[in-house]
Amino acid sequence: MELYGYPLKAKFNQPPPPPPKVLPATSTVAANKNRIPCHTESFSMPWMPNSYYKAAALNPTLAPLTENFPGLPPTKIVPFISERPDGVFTRHTLDDWHRSNMTNYKESETTRHKAERLRADLNRAIKDVYQQAKRTQGESTRNLGERINDIEYWKSELCIELDAMIRETNSLADMQKRLERALADTEGPFQVAHKCLLNREKRMGIDLVNDDVEKQLVTEIKIIRSCRERLQQCLDTVNAQLICNKEARQELEKDLTDKQLGHHIDSKCYQLKNTSRDIHFFKGVERIDATVSVPETWARFTDNNIFRSQSARAASAKLRAGTESLLMGTADEMWRQFSKVNDAFTSRITETANAKSKIQTHLAKTRQEIFQIETKIQVIQKTIKDKEAQLKVAQTRLDERTRRPNVELCRDAAQIRLVQEVNEINETLRNLHQCLRASEDMLQMLVRSKGVLEQDLVVKNNSLFIDQERCMGMRKSYPSTVQILGYV
């Protein structure tokens, strides 16, 4: 028959190992928290004292007590009585029985007291272990929470700076496009001014002069070249600044991506509990140190990235302001010189038109005078012919009167008058021929003057056509200030 509450001997082939005297250290328990997953050894904690198994394993025999109980003092060995008068077999006395019971009672009481103390120590140790583990895990969780807050703070700073950098980069890119358009728009005025100079080289004669228009055109070409050089230098600076902005932006984006991944990992670690499903042993993981920074260098790295981005952003804003001022200055300078050239063209065209009008007036008068001289020449020629006919009559009369006979050759009044008439007609003819030659010379002079005036009129017409039609016709298509500034 088996007693209730006692283990069966047949269920134990060998006695279990003794219980540990003390619990493992708290540091050892915490160190084994995060290790590589492995199968822990199964420890079977005995629930019965070790002495019970020793007592239960004793099988009394009829051998002498000195042999069955080695090590007992001789006073405790019950004398062996092989036979009594009444034939009853006995081993121990009643005192031995009482002493044995008392010894067992005391030993049981001592063992129970030890067991109670051990249980109390175990309870305190287990409670300390739980409290230490809870405190340690709480500190780790709190540190993770603080770390998450730090990451969130730097993430917000990075996001703010990244948004500001993106806006500044976009503004600088717009400024770059405006610079490129402004630089391209200066090509048209430069070609117009150059073509104006080439066209004015086709002026003829006296109009091919180095006037104020030509001087202003040369000045305009110099100003446009200077503006183009300054715009190109500014464009190169803007391109270099855009590269710096993009590098700073990439550093911010990379740092922000790392922060987001680190925030995700730390948030996952912060939410892990003892009852979580995805926790395992990772043996030796505490001996692996894969860190590359400390909190100071970690914060300094992000702060340096933000400072570098702020510096690049400040330089970009300053460059944008300088570029805006440069665009306004170059546009105003080119526009003022363009207006000066146009004013010079207008003044020169007016002057040429006035000269042309005067030439036309003089040419008309010259033509009228030529017509009148020609008419007078014809009158003189007709008068000469008439006088020659009168001279012929007078000379014919004189010749006929020379044939009078003898005394009839009288120097009478008729003869004297005919002689006087011939002399007067000859004098008149000489005067008429002189007048004819003078009129013909004057006619030649008028014709030459007419030719000069006509040639000068052609020159003036050519100059007016070049300045008014070709040059000013091209300059009407000059881009406005808005186009030069790159707003459209």
Protein backbone atom coordinates (compact mmCIF):
# COMPACT_ATOMS: atom_id res chain seq x y z
CA MET A 1 0.00 0.00 0.00
CA GLU A 2 1.27 3.50 -0.98
CA LEU A 3 0.94 6.41 1.39
CA TYR A 4 -0.78 9.59 0.19
CA GLY A 5 1.63 12.40 -0.50
CA TYR A 6 4.76 10.26 -0.82
CA PRO A 7 6.41 9.57 -4.14
CA LEU A 8 6.71 6.06 -5.47
CA LYS A 9 10.16 4.60 -5.41
CA ALA A 10 9.61 2.83 -8.70
CA LYS A 11 9.19 6.16 -10.49
CA PHE A 12 12.78 7.25 -9.76
CA ASN A 13 15.56 5.25 -11.31
CA GLN A 14 18.17 7.52 -9.79
CA PRO A 15 18.07 10.32 -7.28
CA PRO A 16 17.69 13.79 -8.82
CA PRO A 17 20.48 16.36 -8.56
CA PRO A 18 20.55 18.50 -5.45
CA PRO A 19 18.94 21.93 -5.61
CA PRO A 20 21.16 24.94 -6.10
CA LYS A 21 22.28 26.64 -2.94
CA VAL A 22 21.88 30.18 -4.26
CA LEU A 23 20.20 31.80 -7.24
CA PRO A 24 22.25 33.10 -10.20
CA ALA A 25 23.35 36.71 -10.16
CA THR A 26 21.04 39.36 -11.59
CA SER A 27 23.67 40.44 -14.09
CA THR A 28 23.86 36.89 -15.39
CA VAL A 29 20.09 36.78 -15.86
CA ALA A 30 20.12 40.19 -17.64
CA ALA A 31 23.08 39.16 -19.76
CA ASN A 32 21.26 36.06 -21.00
CA LYS A 33 18.23 38.12 -22.04
CA ASN A 34 19.25 38.92 -25.61
CA ARG A 35 21.15 36.00 -27.00
CA ILE A 36 21.01 33.86 -30.06
CA PRO A 37 17.99 31.54 -29.89
CA CYS A 38 18.99 28.27 -28.28
CA HIS A 39 17.39 25.45 -26.26
CA THR A 40 17.87 25.97 -22.60
CA GLU A 41 18.74 23.08 -20.39
CA SER A 42 15.82 21.59 -18.50
CA PHE A 43 16.34 21.75 -14.80
CA SER A 44 14.03 19.58 -12.66
CA MET A 45 13.81 21.19 -9.30
CA PRO A 46 13.19 18.62 -6.57
CA TRP A 47 10.21 19.19 -4.42
CA MET A 48 11.26 16.82 -1.70
CA PRO A 49 14.34 17.14 0.49
CA ASN A 50 17.31 15.04 -0.46
CA SER A 51 17.40 13.32 2.88
CA TYR A 52 14.03 11.72 2.23
CA TYR A 53 15.35 9.80 -0.72
CA LYS A 54 18.25 8.61 1.36
CA ALA A 55 15.94 7.44 4.15
CA ALA A 56 13.53 5.87 1.73
CA ALA A 57 16.33 4.03 0.03
CA LEU A 58 17.29 2.14 3.19
CA ASN A 59 16.27 -1.52 3.26
CA PRO A 60 16.63 -2.99 6.74
CA THR A 61 18.29 -6.38 6.84
CA LEU A 62 19.20 -8.84 9.55
CA ALA A 63 22.89 -8.08 9.23
CA PRO A 64 24.66 -6.72 12.26
CA LEU A 65 24.10 -3.06 13.00
CA THR A 66 27.76 -2.37 12.88
CA GLU A 67 27.79 -3.47 9.30
CA ASN A 68 24.51 -1.86 8.18
CA PHE A 69 25.25 1.44 9.92
CA PRO A 70 28.85 2.16 9.53
CA GLY A 71 30.06 5.25 11.26
CA LEU A 72 27.59 5.11 14.19
CA PRO A 73 29.10 5.42 17.63
CA PRO A 74 29.15 2.24 19.66
CA THR A 75 26.83 3.70 22.25
CA LYS A 76 24.07 3.98 19.69
CA ILE A 77 24.38 0.41 18.49
CA VAL A 78 21.56 -1.66 19.87
CA PRO A 79 22.94 -4.83 21.41
CA PHE A 80 21.86 -7.92 19.58
CA ILE A 81 19.94 -10.42 21.60
CA SER A 82 19.53 -13.57 19.74
CA GLU A 83 17.09 -15.24 22.04
CA ARG A 84 14.86 -14.54 25.02
CA PRO A 85 13.25 -16.81 27.48
CA ASP A 86 9.79 -16.27 26.14
CA GLY A 87 10.95 -16.82 22.60
CA VAL A 88 10.17 -13.18 21.40
CA PHE A 89 12.74 -11.63 19.09
CA THR A 90 13.64 -7.94 19.89
CA ARG A 91 16.31 -5.52 18.51
CA HIS A 92 15.95 -2.19 20.40
CA THR A 93 14.84 -1.04 23.74
CA LEU A 94 11.94 1.29 24.37
CA ASP A 95 14.34 4.08 25.22
CA ASP A 96 16.02 3.55 21.93
CA TRP A 97 12.68 3.79 20.26
CA HIS A 98 11.82 7.03 22.08
CA ARG A 99 15.25 8.45 21.44
CA SER A 100 14.98 7.52 17.79
CA ASN A 101 11.58 9.23 17.55
CA MET A 102 12.86 12.33 19.29
CA THR A 103 15.89 12.37 17.02
CA ASN A 104 13.68 12.08 13.99
CA TYR A 105 11.38 14.79 15.31
CA LYS A 106 14.25 17.15 15.93
CA GLU A 107 15.87 16.36 12.64
CA SER A 108 12.56 16.85 10.85
CA GLU A 109 11.97 20.12 12.69
CA THR A 110 15.50 21.31 11.89
CA THR A 111 15.09 20.34 8.28
CA ARG A 112 11.73 22.13 8.08
CA HIS A 113 13.20 25.25 9.64
CA LYS A 114 16.01 25.17 7.09
CA ALA A 115 13.48 24.58 4.33
CA GLU A 116 11.38 27.51 5.56
CA ARG A 117 14.44 29.77 5.70
CA LEU A 118 15.44 28.56 2.25
CA ARG A 119 11.95 29.26 0.91
CA ALA A 120 11.98 32.71 2.46
CA ASP A 121 15.41 33.36 0.94
CA LEU A 122 14.19 32.05 -2.39
CA ASN A 123 11.09 34.24 -2.26
CA ARG A 124 13.19 37.28 -1.43
CA ALA A 125 15.69 36.39 -4.14
CA ILE A 126 12.95 35.79 -6.69
CA LYS A 127 11.25 39.02 -5.67
CA ASP A 128 14.58 40.87 -5.92
CA VAL A 129 15.20 39.29 -9.31
CA TYR A 130 11.78 40.37 -10.57
CA GLN A 131 12.19 43.85 -9.12
CA GLN A 132 15.71 44.18 -10.49
CA ALA A 133 14.58 42.88 -13.90
CA LYS A 134 11.57 45.21 -13.87
CA ARG A 135 13.72 48.16 -12.82
CA THR A 136 16.41 47.35 -15.39
CA GLN A 137 13.85 46.81 -18.15
CA GLY A 138 12.06 50.01 -17.14
CA GLU A 139 15.29 51.96 -17.34
CA SER A 140 16.03 50.45 -20.73
CA THR A 141 12.49 51.27 -21.90
CA ARG A 142 12.78 54.80 -20.53
CA ASN A 143 16.13 55.25 -22.27
CA LEU A 144 14.59 53.99 -25.48
CA GLY A 145 11.74 56.48 -25.06
CA GLU A 146 14.19 59.31 -24.52
CA ARG A 147 16.12 58.15 -27.54
CA ILE A 148 12.91 58.14 -29.60
CA ASN A 149 12.14 61.68 -28.42
CA ASP A 150 15.65 62.80 -29.42
CA ILE A 151 15.24 61.20 -32.84
CA GLU A 152 11.83 62.83 -33.28
CA TYR A 153 13.30 66.22 -32.36
CA TRP A 154 16.13 65.92 -34.85
CA LYS A 155 13.74 64.51 -37.42
CA SER A 156 11.54 67.59 -37.08
CA GLU A 157 14.61 69.83 -37.36
CA LEU A 158 15.77 67.95 -40.44
CA CYS A 159 12.31 68.13 -42.03
CA ILE A 160 12.08 71.88 -41.40
CA GLU A 161 15.56 72.48 -42.82
CA LEU A 162 14.94 70.11 -45.73
CA ASP A 163 11.70 71.93 -46.67
CA ALA A 164 13.50 75.27 -46.45
CA MET A 165 16.38 73.92 -48.56
CA ILE A 166 13.97 72.54 -51.18
CA ARG A 167 12.19 75.90 -51.42
CA GLU A 168 15.50 77.75 -51.65
CA THR A 169 16.82 75.34 -54.29
CA ASN A 170 13.64 75.75 -56.35
CA SER A 171 13.91 79.54 -56.08
CA LEU A 172 17.55 79.41 -57.13
CA ALA A 173 16.65 77.10 -60.03
CA ASP A 174 14.03 79.65 -61.16
CA MET A 175 16.68 82.34 -60.90
CA GLN A 176 18.99 80.16 -62.99
CA LYS A 177 16.33 79.90 -65.70
CA ARG A 178 15.82 83.66 -65.60
CA LEU A 179 19.57 84.18 -65.97
CA GLU A 180 19.70 81.81 -68.91
CA ARG A 181 16.77 83.56 -70.60
CA ALA A 182 18.27 86.98 -69.89
CA LEU A 183 21.62 85.84 -71.29
CA ALA A 184 19.88 84.49 -74.38
CA ASP A 185 17.85 87.70 -74.74
CA THR A 186 21.03 89.79 -74.87
CA GLU A 187 22.06 88.02 -78.06
CA GLY A 188 19.31 89.79 -80.03
CA PRO A 189 20.30 93.36 -79.06
CA PHE A 190 23.95 92.52 -79.65
CA GLN A 191 23.22 91.27 -83.16
CA VAL A 192 20.97 94.29 -83.83
CA ALA A 193 23.66 96.76 -82.79
CA HIS A 194 26.27 94.86 -84.82
CA LYS A 195 24.03 94.79 -87.90
CA CYS A 196 23.30 98.50 -87.47
CA LEU A 197 27.02 99.20 -87.62
CA LEU A 198 27.41 97.01 -90.69
CA ASN A 199 24.43 98.65 -92.41
CA ARG A 200 25.74 102.14 -91.69
CA GLU A 201 29.00 101.15 -93.40
CA LYS A 202 26.94 101.14 -96.61
CA ARG A 203 26.38 104.88 -96.42
CA MET A 204 27.82 106.80 -99.36
CA GLY A 205 29.89 109.88 -99.84
CA ILE A 206 29.90 112.59 -97.28
CA ASP A 207 27.30 110.77 -95.14
CA LEU A 208 29.85 108.13 -94.22
CA VAL A 209 30.81 110.01 -91.09
CA ASN A 210 31.67 109.01 -87.54
CA ASP A 211 28.61 110.62 -86.06
CA ASP A 212 27.03 110.30 -82.60
CA VAL A 213 24.92 107.35 -83.74
CA GLU A 214 28.00 105.32 -84.55
CA LYS A 215 29.63 106.25 -81.24
CA GLN A 216 26.52 105.24 -79.31
CA LEU A 217 26.29 101.96 -81.22
CA VAL A 218 29.91 101.13 -80.36
CA THR A 219 29.19 101.99 -76.72
CA GLU A 220 26.06 99.79 -76.81
CA ILE A 221 28.06 96.83 -78.11
CA LYS A 222 30.62 97.30 -75.32
CA ILE A 223 27.87 97.51 -72.68
CA ILE A 224 26.09 94.41 -74.00
CA ARG A 225 29.35 92.46 -73.98
CA SER A 226 30.06 93.58 -70.43
CA CYS A 227 26.54 92.62 -69.34
CA ARG A 228 26.83 89.24 -71.02
CA GLU A 229 30.13 88.54 -69.26
CA ARG A 230 28.68 89.50 -65.89
CA LEU A 231 25.55 87.42 -66.50
CA GLN A 232 27.66 84.42 -67.55
CA GLN A 233 29.83 84.71 -64.44
CA CYS A 234 26.74 84.97 -62.27
CA LEU A 235 25.23 81.96 -64.05
CA ASP A 236 28.36 79.92 -63.35
CA THR A 237 28.19 80.95 -59.68
CA VAL A 238 24.51 79.99 -59.53
CA ASN A 239 25.26 76.58 -61.08
CA ALA A 240 28.00 75.97 -58.50
CA GLN A 241 25.66 77.05 -55.69
CA LEU A 242 22.97 74.72 -57.00
CA ILE A 243 25.45 71.84 -56.77
CA CYS A 244 26.23 72.83 -53.16
CA ASN A 245 22.52 73.02 -52.37
CA LYS A 246 21.90 69.61 -53.90
CA GLU A 247 24.78 68.09 -51.92
CA ALA A 248 23.46 69.60 -48.67
CA ARG A 249 19.96 68.39 -49.57
CA GLN A 250 21.23 64.87 -50.22
CA GLU A 251 23.01 64.86 -46.85
CA LEU A 252 19.81 65.99 -45.16
CA GLU A 253 17.71 63.38 -46.97
CA LYS A 254 20.20 60.62 -46.15
CA ASP A 255 20.33 61.68 -42.50
CA LEU A 256 16.53 61.90 -42.38
CA THR A 257 16.20 58.45 -43.93
CA ASP A 258 18.62 57.03 -41.33
CA LYS A 259 16.68 58.81 -38.59
CA GLN A 260 13.39 57.35 -39.83
CA LEU A 261 14.82 53.84 -39.94
CA GLY A 262 16.41 54.26 -36.50
CA HIS A 263 13.12 55.67 -35.16
CA HIS A 264 11.24 52.67 -36.55
CA ILE A 265 13.70 50.20 -34.99
CA ASP A 266 13.77 51.97 -31.61
CA SER A 267 9.97 52.26 -31.60
CA LYS A 268 9.75 48.53 -32.25
CA CYS A 269 12.20 47.87 -29.42
CA TYR A 270 10.27 50.27 -27.16
CA GLN A 271 7.06 48.29 -27.72
CA LEU A 272 8.60 44.90 -26.99
CA LYS A 273 7.45 43.24 -23.76
CA ASN A 274 8.08 39.94 -21.99
CA THR A 275 4.86 38.64 -23.53
CA SER A 276 5.73 39.67 -27.09
CA ARG A 277 5.80 36.90 -29.67
CA ASP A 278 8.90 37.87 -31.67
CA ILE A 279 11.48 37.70 -28.87
CA HIS A 280 14.27 35.11 -28.91
CA PHE A 281 17.60 34.27 -27.39
CA PHE A 282 20.61 35.75 -29.22
CA LYS A 283 23.64 34.18 -27.68
CA GLY A 284 26.64 36.48 -27.37
CA VAL A 285 24.89 39.51 -28.86
CA GLU A 286 25.89 41.64 -25.87
CA ARG A 287 29.56 41.10 -26.76
CA ILE A 288 29.04 42.53 -30.29
CA ASP A 289 29.66 46.29 -30.44
CA ALA A 290 28.56 47.57 -33.87
CA THR A 291 28.17 51.19 -32.78
CA VAL A 292 30.00 53.91 -34.72
CA SER A 293 29.08 56.97 -32.66
CA VAL A 294 28.16 58.23 -29.23
CA PRO A 295 25.23 60.56 -28.44
CA GLU A 296 27.50 63.60 -28.63
CA THR A 297 28.92 62.74 -32.05
CA TRP A 298 25.49 61.55 -33.20
CA ALA A 299 23.87 64.89 -32.35
CA ARG A 300 26.88 66.83 -33.65
CA PHE A 301 26.64 65.00 -37.00
CA THR A 302 23.02 66.06 -37.55
CA ASP A 303 23.74 69.55 -36.22
CA ASN A 304 26.64 69.86 -38.68
CA ASN A 305 24.37 68.76 -41.54
CA ILE A 306 21.76 71.34 -40.57
CA PHE A 307 24.42 74.04 -40.14
CA ARG A 308 25.92 73.19 -43.55
CA SER A 309 22.47 73.35 -45.11
CA GLN A 310 21.73 76.67 -43.39
CA SER A 311 25.04 78.09 -44.60
CA ALA A 312 24.36 76.92 -48.16
CA ARG A 313 20.83 78.31 -47.94
CA ALA A 314 22.08 81.68 -46.68
CA ALA A 315 24.66 81.82 -49.47
CA SER A 316 21.96 80.87 -51.97
CA ALA A 317 19.62 83.61 -50.72
CA LYS A 318 22.44 86.15 -50.88
CA LEU A 319 23.31 84.99 -54.39
CA ARG A 320 19.67 85.28 -55.45
CA ALA A 321 19.52 88.84 -54.15
CA GLY A 322 22.76 89.68 -55.97
CA THR A 323 21.48 88.03 -59.14
CA GLU A 324 18.22 89.98 -58.94
CA SER A 325 20.19 93.20 -58.52
CA LEU A 326 22.46 92.22 -61.41
CA LEU A 327 19.48 91.51 -63.67
CA MET A 328 17.90 94.83 -62.80
CA GLY A 329 21.19 96.69 -63.24
CA THR A 330 22.10 95.10 -66.57
CA ALA A 331 18.58 95.54 -67.91
CA ASP A 332 18.50 99.19 -66.87
CA GLU A 333 21.98 99.81 -68.27
CA MET A 334 21.21 98.16 -71.59
CA TRP A 335 17.84 99.88 -71.80
CA ARG A 336 19.34 103.31 -71.13
CA GLN A 337 21.98 102.77 -73.79
CA PHE A 338 19.34 101.47 -76.16
CA SER A 339 17.35 104.66 -75.60
CA LYS A 340 20.44 106.76 -76.20
CA VAL A 341 21.10 105.00 -79.49
CA ASN A 342 17.48 105.44 -80.53
CA ASP A 343 17.61 109.12 -79.62
CA ALA A 344 20.82 109.50 -81.62
CA PHE A 345 19.18 107.72 -84.55
CA THR A 346 16.11 109.95 -84.28
CA SER A 347 18.23 113.08 -84.15
CA ARG A 348 20.37 111.92 -87.05
CA ILE A 349 17.33 110.93 -89.10
CA THR A 350 15.74 114.33 -88.44
CA GLU A 351 18.95 116.08 -89.40
CA THR A 352 19.28 114.02 -92.56
CA ALA A 353 15.64 114.60 -93.42
CA ASN A 354 16.10 118.35 -93.01
CA ALA A 355 19.18 118.26 -95.20
CA LYS A 356 17.27 116.26 -97.75
CA SER A 357 14.42 118.75 -97.70
CA LYS A 358 16.81 121.64 -98.20
CA ILE A 359 18.54 119.81 -101.01
CA GLN A 360 15.23 119.19 -102.66
CA THR A 361 14.38 122.88 -102.33
CA HIS A 362 17.71 123.96 -103.78
CA LEU A 363 17.43 121.37 -106.50
CA ALA A 364 14.02 122.67 -107.48
CA LYS A 365 15.31 126.22 -107.58
CA THR A 366 18.33 125.12 -109.55
CA ARG A 367 16.16 123.35 -112.05
CA GLN A 368 13.98 126.41 -112.35
CA GLU A 369 17.02 128.59 -112.88
CA ILE A 370 18.36 126.16 -115.47
CA PHE A 371 15.05 126.36 -117.29
CA GLN A 372 15.14 130.16 -117.20
CA ILE A 373 18.80 130.28 -118.35
CA GLU A 374 18.02 127.93 -121.17
CA THR A 375 15.12 130.17 -122.15
CA LYS A 376 17.35 133.22 -122.07
CA ILE A 377 19.96 131.46 -124.14
CA GLN A 378 17.35 130.71 -126.72
CA VAL A 379 16.26 134.38 -126.69
CA ILE A 380 19.88 135.51 -127.06
CA GLN A 381 20.43 133.08 -129.88
CA LYS A 382 17.29 134.33 -131.63
CA THR A 383 18.39 137.92 -131.04
CA ILE A 384 21.81 137.14 -132.50
CA LYS A 385 20.16 135.65 -135.54
CA ASP A 386 17.96 138.68 -135.89
CA LYS A 387 20.93 141.03 -135.53
CA GLU A 388 22.89 138.99 -138.03
CA ALA A 389 20.04 139.37 -140.51
CA GLN A 390 19.98 143.12 -139.82
CA LEU A 391 23.76 143.14 -140.19
CA LYS A 392 23.41 141.35 -143.50
CA VAL A 393 20.95 143.95 -144.69
CA ALA A 394 23.21 146.83 -143.67
CA GLN A 395 26.32 145.26 -145.15
CA THR A 396 24.43 144.32 -148.30
CA ARG A 397 23.33 147.92 -148.67
CA LEU A 398 26.86 149.17 -148.14
CA ASP A 399 28.13 146.66 -150.65
CA GLU A 400 25.51 147.64 -153.18
CA ARG A 401 26.24 151.38 -152.71
CA THR A 402 29.90 150.74 -153.49
CA ARG A 403 28.75 150.05 -157.02
CA ARG A 404 27.40 153.53 -157.54
CA PRO A 405 29.09 155.21 -160.45
CA ASN A 406 31.53 158.10 -160.17
CA VAL A 407 30.29 160.98 -158.26
CA GLU A 408 27.39 159.04 -157.01
CA LEU A 409 29.73 157.53 -154.57
CA CYS A 410 28.74 160.16 -152.16
CA ARG A 411 29.35 159.94 -148.43
CA ASP A 412 25.93 160.99 -147.71
CA ALA A 413 23.87 160.63 -144.56
CA ALA A 414 22.66 157.20 -145.67
CA GLN A 415 26.19 156.04 -146.09
CA ILE A 416 27.20 157.37 -142.72
CA ARG A 417 24.14 155.82 -141.07
CA LEU A 418 24.73 152.46 -142.67
CA VAL A 419 28.33 152.50 -141.43
CA GLN A 420 27.12 153.46 -137.99
CA GLU A 421 24.45 150.78 -138.17
CA VAL A 422 26.98 148.10 -139.08
CA ASN A 423 29.25 149.17 -136.25
CA GLU A 424 26.37 149.22 -133.81
CA ILE A 425 25.18 145.79 -134.91
CA ASN A 426 28.68 144.36 -134.62
CA GLU A 427 28.99 145.82 -131.13
CA THR A 428 25.61 144.42 -130.25
CA LEU A 429 26.55 141.02 -131.64
CA ARG A 430 29.74 141.00 -129.63
CA ASN A 431 27.76 141.83 -126.52
CA LEU A 432 25.16 139.19 -127.37
CA HIS A 433 27.84 136.56 -127.89
CA GLN A 434 29.42 137.46 -124.58
CA CYS A 435 26.05 137.17 -122.93
CA LEU A 436 25.49 133.86 -124.71
CA ARG A 437 28.83 132.49 -123.51
CA ALA A 438 28.15 133.73 -119.98
CA SER A 439 24.71 132.17 -120.06
CA GLU A 440 26.09 128.90 -121.34
CA ASP A 441 28.77 128.90 -118.62
CA MET A 442 26.16 129.62 -116.02
CA LEU A 443 24.03 126.87 -117.45
CA GLN A 444 26.92 124.45 -117.06
CA MET A 445 27.45 125.57 -113.51
CA LEU A 446 23.77 125.12 -112.78
CA VAL A 447 23.84 121.69 -114.34
CA ARG A 448 26.83 120.71 -112.22
CA SER A 449 25.13 122.08 -109.13
CA LYS A 450 22.05 120.17 -110.11
CA GLY A 451 24.08 116.99 -110.43
CA VAL A 452 25.71 117.59 -107.05
CA LEU A 453 22.36 118.19 -105.45
CA GLU A 454 20.87 115.13 -107.07
CA GLN A 455 23.82 113.01 -105.96
CA ASP A 456 23.59 114.43 -102.48
CA LEU A 457 19.88 113.73 -102.51
CA VAL A 458 20.60 110.12 -103.44
CA VAL A 459 23.11 109.92 -100.59
CA LYS A 460 20.62 111.40 -98.17
CA ASN A 461 17.92 109.04 -99.35
CA ASN A 462 20.28 106.11 -98.89
CA SER A 463 21.25 107.30 -95.40
CA LEU A 464 17.62 107.80 -94.48
CA PHE A 465 16.75 104.35 -95.77
CA ILE A 466 19.59 102.76 -93.77
CA ASP A 467 18.92 104.65 -90.55
CA GLN A 468 15.15 104.78 -90.69
CA GLU A 469 14.15 101.59 -92.43
CA ARG A 470 16.88 99.07 -91.77
CA CYS A 471 18.35 100.13 -88.41
CA MET A 472 15.28 101.53 -86.72
CA GLY A 473 13.17 98.78 -88.25
CA MET A 474 15.34 96.19 -86.50
CA ARG A 475 15.49 98.15 -83.28
CA LYS A 476 11.72 98.19 -82.99
CA SER A 477 11.90 94.45 -82.20
CA TYR A 478 14.28 94.98 -79.27
CA PRO A 479 13.09 92.96 -76.21
CA SER A 480 11.47 94.88 -73.42
CA THR A 481 12.85 95.21 -69.90
CA VAL A 482 10.53 92.43 -68.70
CA GLN A 483 12.00 90.05 -71.25
CA ILE A 484 15.55 91.03 -70.36
CA LEU A 485 14.86 90.37 -66.69
CA GLY A 486 13.61 86.91 -67.57
CA TYR A 487 10.07 87.24 -66.17
CA VAL A 488 8.53 85.84 -69.35
